[in-house]
Amino acid sequence: MLNFIKNFRNDEDGAVTVDFVVLTAAIVVLGLAVGGTVARGAKGLANEIETSLNEMNAGGSTS
């Protein structure tokens, strides 16, 4: 039984898999955060452009 516990403690076969899963999850979360920030910024910029275009006189006379 003591030999089994020593072998179990020294076995590192699953450690790489756990590291990969944690790293992948961190990358996904970071990507979602960056994507959300970019999307909000792009939407705000698009709204500003739309407002500016709507306020412009299209070259015609209104009178």
PDB file of N, CA and C in Angstrom:
ATOM      1  N   MET A   1       0.825  -1.193   0.000  1.00  0.00           N
ATOM      2  CA  MET A   1       0.000   0.000   0.000  1.00  0.00           C
ATOM      3  C   MET A   1       0.871   1.260   0.000  1.00  0.00           C
ATOM      4  N   LEU A   2       1.942   1.247   0.753  1.00  0.00           N
ATOM      5  CA  LEU A   2       2.842   2.390   0.807  1.00  0.00           C
ATOM      6  C   LEU A   2       3.494   2.623  -0.556  1.00  0.00           C
ATOM      7  N   ASN A   3       3.826   1.540  -1.246  1.00  0.00           N
ATOM      8  CA  ASN A   3       4.415   1.639  -2.578  1.00  0.00           C
ATOM      9  C   ASN A   3       3.415   2.269  -3.554  1.00  0.00           C
ATOM     10  N   PHE A   4       2.143   1.903  -3.452  1.00  0.00           N
ATOM     11  CA  PHE A   4       1.099   2.478  -4.305  1.00  0.00           C
ATOM     12  C   PHE A   4       0.990   3.989  -4.085  1.00  0.00           C
ATOM     13  N   ILE A   5       1.037   4.422  -2.847  1.00  0.00           N
ATOM     14  CA  ILE A   5       0.931   5.851  -2.524  1.00  0.00           C
ATOM     15  C   ILE A   5       2.129   6.617  -3.078  1.00  0.00           C
ATOM     16  N   LYS A   6       3.326   6.039  -2.971  1.00  0.00           N
ATOM     17  CA  LYS A   6       4.520   6.697  -3.513  1.00  0.00           C
ATOM     18  C   LYS A   6       4.423   6.821  -5.033  1.00  0.00           C
ATOM     19  N   ASN A   7       3.990   5.759  -5.696  1.00  0.00           N
ATOM     20  CA  ASN A   7       3.847   5.798  -7.152  1.00  0.00           C
ATOM     21  C   ASN A   7       2.780   6.804  -7.576  1.00  0.00           C
ATOM     22  N   PHE A   8       1.666   6.837  -6.848  1.00  0.00           N
ATOM     23  CA  PHE A   8       0.589   7.772  -7.165  1.00  0.00           C
ATOM     24  C   PHE A   8       1.063   9.221  -7.009  1.00  0.00           C
ATOM     25  N   ARG A   9       1.828   9.493  -5.978  1.00  0.00           N
ATOM     26  CA  ARG A   9       2.333  10.837  -5.716  1.00  0.00           C
ATOM     27  C   ARG A   9       3.308  11.285  -6.807  1.00  0.00           C
ATOM     28  N   ASN A  10       4.095  10.363  -7.337  1.00  0.00           N
ATOM     29  CA  ASN A  10       5.109  10.699  -8.334  1.00  0.00           C
ATOM     30  C   ASN A  10       4.591  10.670  -9.770  1.00  0.00           C
ATOM     31  N   ASP A  11       3.380  10.186  -9.969  1.00  0.00           N
ATOM     32  CA  ASP A  11       2.815  10.078 -11.317  1.00  0.00           C
ATOM     33  C   ASP A  11       2.357  11.458 -11.788  1.00  0.00           C
ATOM     34  N   GLU A  12       2.900  11.931 -12.925  1.00  0.00           N
ATOM     35  CA  GLU A  12       2.566  13.257 -13.447  1.00  0.00           C
ATOM     36  C   GLU A  12       1.956  13.178 -14.843  1.00  0.00           C
ATOM     37  N   ASP A  13       1.336  12.067 -15.187  1.00  0.00           N
ATOM     38  CA  ASP A  13       0.799  11.895 -16.535  1.00  0.00           C
ATOM     39  C   ASP A  13      -0.304  12.895 -16.872  1.00  0.00           C
ATOM     40  N   GLY A  14      -1.167  13.235 -15.945  1.00  0.00           N
ATOM     41  CA  GLY A  14      -2.282  14.135 -16.226  1.00  0.00           C
ATOM     42  C   GLY A  14      -1.966  15.599 -16.039  1.00  0.00           C
ATOM     43  N   ALA A  15      -0.793  15.919 -15.554  1.00  0.00           N
ATOM     44  CA  ALA A  15      -0.460  17.313 -15.250  1.00  0.00           C
ATOM     45  C   ALA A  15      -0.429  18.181 -16.503  1.00  0.00           C
ATOM     46  N   VAL A  16       0.071  17.654 -17.596  1.00  0.00           N
ATOM     47  CA  VAL A  16       0.149  18.428 -18.833  1.00  0.00           C
ATOM     48  C   VAL A  16      -1.250  18.725 -19.350  1.00  0.00           C
ATOM     49  N   THR A  17      -2.140  17.762 -19.247  1.00  0.00           N
ATOM     50  CA  THR A  17      -3.512  17.960 -19.701  1.00  0.00           C
ATOM     51  C   THR A  17      -4.200  19.047 -18.886  1.00  0.00           C
ATOM     52  N   VAL A  18      -4.027  19.015 -17.596  1.00  0.00           N
ATOM     53  CA  VAL A  18      -4.633  20.034 -16.734  1.00  0.00           C
ATOM     54  C   VAL A  18      -4.073  21.406 -17.071  1.00  0.00           C
ATOM     55  N   ASP A  19      -2.779  21.507 -17.264  1.00  0.00           N
ATOM     56  CA  ASP A  19      -2.168  22.784 -17.633  1.00  0.00           C
ATOM     57  C   ASP A  19      -2.736  23.296 -18.952  1.00  0.00           C
ATOM     58  N   PHE A  20      -2.892  22.411 -19.925  1.00  0.00           N
ATOM     59  CA  PHE A  20      -3.413  22.795 -21.233  1.00  0.00           C
ATOM     60  C   PHE A  20      -4.854  23.284 -21.121  1.00  0.00           C
ATOM     61  N   VAL A  21      -5.661  22.608 -20.344  1.00  0.00           N
ATOM     62  CA  VAL A  21      -7.063  23.003 -20.180  1.00  0.00           C
ATOM     63  C   VAL A  21      -7.159  24.368 -19.505  1.00  0.00           C
ATOM     64  N   VAL A  22      -6.374  24.592 -18.477  1.00  0.00           N
ATOM     65  CA  VAL A  22      -6.395  25.879 -17.773  1.00  0.00           C
ATOM     66  C   VAL A  22      -5.913  26.992 -18.693  1.00  0.00           C
ATOM     67  N   LEU A  23      -4.850  26.758 -19.431  1.00  0.00           N
ATOM     68  CA  LEU A  23      -4.330  27.762 -20.354  1.00  0.00           C
ATOM     69  C   LEU A  23      -5.343  28.076 -21.453  1.00  0.00           C
ATOM     70  N   THR A  24      -5.966  27.050 -22.002  1.00  0.00           N
ATOM     71  CA  THR A  24      -6.969  27.252 -23.046  1.00  0.00           C
ATOM     72  C   THR A  24      -8.159  28.046 -22.515  1.00  0.00           C
ATOM     73  N   ALA A  25      -8.614  27.724 -21.320  1.00  0.00           N
ATOM     74  CA  ALA A  25      -9.731  28.461 -20.724  1.00  0.00           C
ATOM     75  C   ALA A  25      -9.369  29.927 -20.510  1.00  0.00           C
ATOM     76  N   ALA A  26      -8.152  30.189 -20.070  1.00  0.00           N
ATOM     77  CA  ALA A  26      -7.716  31.570 -19.864  1.00  0.00           C
ATOM     78  C   ALA A  26      -7.677  32.338 -21.184  1.00  0.00           C
ATOM     79  N   ILE A  27      -7.218  31.691 -22.236  1.00  0.00           N
ATOM     80  CA  ILE A  27      -7.166  32.340 -23.548  1.00  0.00           C
ATOM     81  C   ILE A  27      -8.573  32.639 -24.057  1.00  0.00           C
ATOM     82  N   VAL A  28      -9.494  31.712 -23.861  1.00  0.00           N
ATOM     83  CA  VAL A  28     -10.876  31.920 -24.298  1.00  0.00           C
ATOM     84  C   VAL A  28     -11.506  33.093 -23.545  1.00  0.00           C
ATOM     85  N   VAL A  29     -11.321  33.137 -22.241  1.00  0.00           N
ATOM     86  CA  VAL A  29     -11.887  34.232 -21.440  1.00  0.00           C
ATOM     87  C   VAL A  29     -11.285  35.567 -21.858  1.00  0.00           C
ATOM     88  N   LEU A  30      -9.984  35.596 -22.075  1.00  0.00           N
ATOM     89  CA  LEU A  30      -9.332  36.822 -22.517  1.00  0.00           C
ATOM     90  C   LEU A  30      -9.856  37.252 -23.888  1.00  0.00           C
ATOM     91  N   GLY A  31     -10.023  36.299 -24.784  1.00  0.00           N
ATOM     92  CA  GLY A  31     -10.562  36.603 -26.110  1.00  0.00           C
ATOM     93  C   GLY A  31     -11.967  37.170 -26.049  1.00  0.00           C
ATOM     94  N   LEU A  32     -12.806  36.604 -25.190  1.00  0.00           N
ATOM     95  CA  LEU A  32     -14.167  37.114 -25.037  1.00  0.00           C
ATOM     96  C   LEU A  32     -14.169  38.528 -24.461  1.00  0.00           C
ATOM     97  N   ALA A  33     -13.291  38.778 -23.511  1.00  0.00           N
ATOM     98  CA  ALA A  33     -13.211  40.115 -22.920  1.00  0.00           C
ATOM     99  C   ALA A  33     -12.761  41.144 -23.956  1.00  0.00           C
ATOM    100  N   VAL A  34     -11.750  40.803 -24.726  1.00  0.00           N
ATOM    101  CA  VAL A  34     -11.261  41.718 -25.762  1.00  0.00           C
ATOM    102  C   VAL A  34     -12.324  41.913 -26.837  1.00  0.00           C
ATOM    103  N   GLY A  35     -12.974  40.833 -27.238  1.00  0.00           N
ATOM    104  CA  GLY A  35     -14.025  40.928 -28.250  1.00  0.00           C
ATOM    105  C   GLY A  35     -15.172  41.810 -27.805  1.00  0.00           C
ATOM    106  N   GLY A  36     -15.575  41.681 -26.555  1.00  0.00           N
ATOM    107  CA  GLY A  36     -16.648  42.525 -26.036  1.00  0.00           C
ATOM    108  C   GLY A  36     -16.268  43.990 -26.010  1.00  0.00           C
ATOM    109  N   THR A  37     -15.040  44.265 -25.620  1.00  0.00           N
ATOM    110  CA  THR A  37     -14.565  45.648 -25.580  1.00  0.00           C
ATOM    111  C   THR A  37     -14.510  46.250 -26.979  1.00  0.00           C
ATOM    112  N   VAL A  38     -13.997  45.495 -27.926  1.00  0.00           N
ATOM    113  CA  VAL A  38     -13.915  45.980 -29.309  1.00  0.00           C
ATOM    114  C   VAL A  38     -15.312  46.186 -29.886  1.00  0.00           C
ATOM    115  N   ALA A  39     -16.228  45.267 -29.605  1.00  0.00           N
ATOM    116  CA  ALA A  39     -17.591  45.385 -30.126  1.00  0.00           C
ATOM    117  C   ALA A  39     -18.284  46.633 -29.582  1.00  0.00           C
ATOM    118  N   ARG A  40     -18.120  46.894 -28.281  1.00  0.00           N
ATOM    119  CA  ARG A  40     -18.732  48.098 -27.702  1.00  0.00           C
ATOM    120  C   ARG A  40     -18.133  49.360 -28.317  1.00  0.00           C
ATOM    121  N   GLY A  41     -16.819  49.368 -28.501  1.00  0.00           N
ATOM    122  CA  GLY A  41     -16.172  50.530 -29.105  1.00  0.00           C
ATOM    123  C   GLY A  41     -16.603  50.742 -30.543  1.00  0.00           C
ATOM    124  N   ALA A  42     -16.718  49.661 -31.296  1.00  0.00           N
ATOM    125  CA  ALA A  42     -17.136  49.762 -32.695  1.00  0.00           C
ATOM    126  C   ALA A  42     -18.580  50.236 -32.797  1.00  0.00           C
ATOM    127  N   LYS A  43     -19.424  49.764 -31.897  1.00  0.00           N
ATOM    128  CA  LYS A  43     -20.827  50.188 -31.919  1.00  0.00           C
ATOM    129  C   LYS A  43     -20.933  51.676 -31.601  1.00  0.00           C
ATOM    130  N   GLY A  44     -20.169  52.129 -30.611  1.00  0.00           N
ATOM    131  CA  GLY A  44     -20.177  53.552 -30.273  1.00  0.00           C
ATOM    132  C   GLY A  44     -19.683  54.410 -31.427  1.00  0.00           C
ATOM    133  N   LEU A  45     -18.625  53.968 -32.083  1.00  0.00           N
ATOM    134  CA  LEU A  45     -18.095  54.704 -33.228  1.00  0.00           C
ATOM    135  C   LEU A  45     -19.099  54.723 -34.372  1.00  0.00           C
ATOM    136  N   ALA A  46     -19.753  53.602 -34.623  1.00  0.00           N
ATOM    137  CA  ALA A  46     -20.759  53.537 -35.682  1.00  0.00           C
ATOM    138  C   ALA A  46     -21.919  54.482 -35.387  1.00  0.00           C
ATOM    139  N   ASN A  47     -22.318  54.563 -34.132  1.00  0.00           N
ATOM    140  CA  ASN A  47     -23.401  55.486 -33.764  1.00  0.00           C
ATOM    141  C   ASN A  47     -22.989  56.936 -33.978  1.00  0.00           C
ATOM    142  N   GLU A  48     -21.745  57.269 -33.652  1.00  0.00           N
ATOM    143  CA  GLU A  48     -21.257  58.632 -33.870  1.00  0.00           C
ATOM    144  C   GLU A  48     -21.218  58.967 -35.357  1.00  0.00           C
ATOM    145  N   ILE A  49     -20.778  58.024 -36.175  1.00  0.00           N
ATOM    146  CA  ILE A  49     -20.730  58.244 -37.624  1.00  0.00           C
ATOM    147  C   ILE A  49     -22.141  58.423 -38.169  1.00  0.00           C
ATOM    148  N   GLU A  50     -23.066  57.597 -37.707  1.00  0.00           N
ATOM    149  CA  GLU A  50     -24.456  57.705 -38.158  1.00  0.00           C
ATOM    150  C   GLU A  50     -25.040  59.067 -37.804  1.00  0.00           C
ATOM    151  N   THR A  51     -24.787  59.521 -36.596  1.00  0.00           N
ATOM    152  CA  THR A  51     -25.289  60.826 -36.164  1.00  0.00           C
ATOM    153  C   THR A  51     -24.700  61.940 -37.020  1.00  0.00           C
ATOM    154  N   SER A  52     -23.409  61.875 -37.284  1.00  0.00           N
ATOM    155  CA  SER A  52     -22.759  62.901 -38.106  1.00  0.00           C
ATOM    156  C   SER A  52     -23.317  62.917 -39.517  1.00  0.00           C
ATOM    157  N   LEU A  53     -23.531  61.746 -40.087  1.00  0.00           N
ATOM    158  CA  LEU A  53     -24.063  61.678 -41.448  1.00  0.00           C
ATOM    159  C   LEU A  53     -25.500  62.176 -41.510  1.00  0.00           C
ATOM    160  N   ASN A  54     -26.284  61.888 -40.500  1.00  0.00           N
ATOM    161  CA  ASN A  54     -27.675  62.350 -40.488  1.00  0.00           C
ATOM    162  C   ASN A  54     -27.774  63.861 -40.327  1.00  0.00           C
ATOM    163  N   GLU A  55     -26.795  64.473 -39.669  1.00  0.00           N
ATOM    164  CA  GLU A  55     -26.815  65.916 -39.452  1.00  0.00           C
ATOM    165  C   GLU A  55     -26.282  66.701 -40.645  1.00  0.00           C
ATOM    166  N   MET A  56     -25.601  66.037 -41.555  1.00  0.00           N
ATOM    167  CA  MET A  56     -25.017  66.731 -42.706  1.00  0.00           C
ATOM    168  C   MET A  56     -26.102  67.110 -43.708  1.00  0.00           C
ATOM    169  N   ASN A  57     -25.880  68.243 -44.324  1.00  0.00           N
ATOM    170  CA  ASN A  57     -26.741  68.646 -45.421  1.00  0.00           C
ATOM    171  C   ASN A  57     -26.221  67.933 -46.660  1.00  0.00           C
ATOM    172  N   ALA A  58     -27.073  67.259 -47.376  1.00  0.00           N
ATOM    173  CA  ALA A  58     -26.653  66.435 -48.505  1.00  0.00           C
ATOM    174  C   ALA A  58     -26.379  67.250 -49.761  1.00  0.00           C
ATOM    175  N   GLY A  59     -26.184  68.525 -49.658  1.00  0.00           N
ATOM    176  CA  GLY A  59     -25.851  69.352 -50.814  1.00  0.00           C
ATOM    177  C   GLY A  59     -27.070  69.980 -51.457  1.00  0.00           C
ATOM    178  N   GLY A  60     -28.223  69.629 -51.018  1.00  0.00           N
ATOM    179  CA  GLY A  60     -29.451  70.199 -51.580  1.00  0.00           C
ATOM    180  C   GLY A  60     -29.927  71.371 -50.753  1.00  0.00           C
ATOM    181  N   SER A  61     -30.789  72.150 -51.330  1.00  0.00           N
ATOM    182  CA  SER A  61     -31.351  73.295 -50.625  1.00  0.00           C
ATOM    183  C   SER A  61     -32.676  72.893 -49.999  1.00  0.00           C
ATOM    184  N   THR A  62     -32.910  73.333 -48.777  1.00  0.00           N
ATOM    185  CA  THR A  62     -34.156  72.983 -48.095  1.00  0.00           C
ATOM    186  C   THR A  62     -35.226  74.035 -48.301  1.00  0.00           C
ATOM    187  N   SER A  63     -34.903  75.150 -48.981  1.00  0.00           N
ATOM    188  CA  SER A  63     -35.912  76.195 -49.164  1.00  0.00           C
ATOM    189  C   SER A  63     -36.492  76.228 -50.539  1.00  0.00           C
TER     190      SER A  63
END
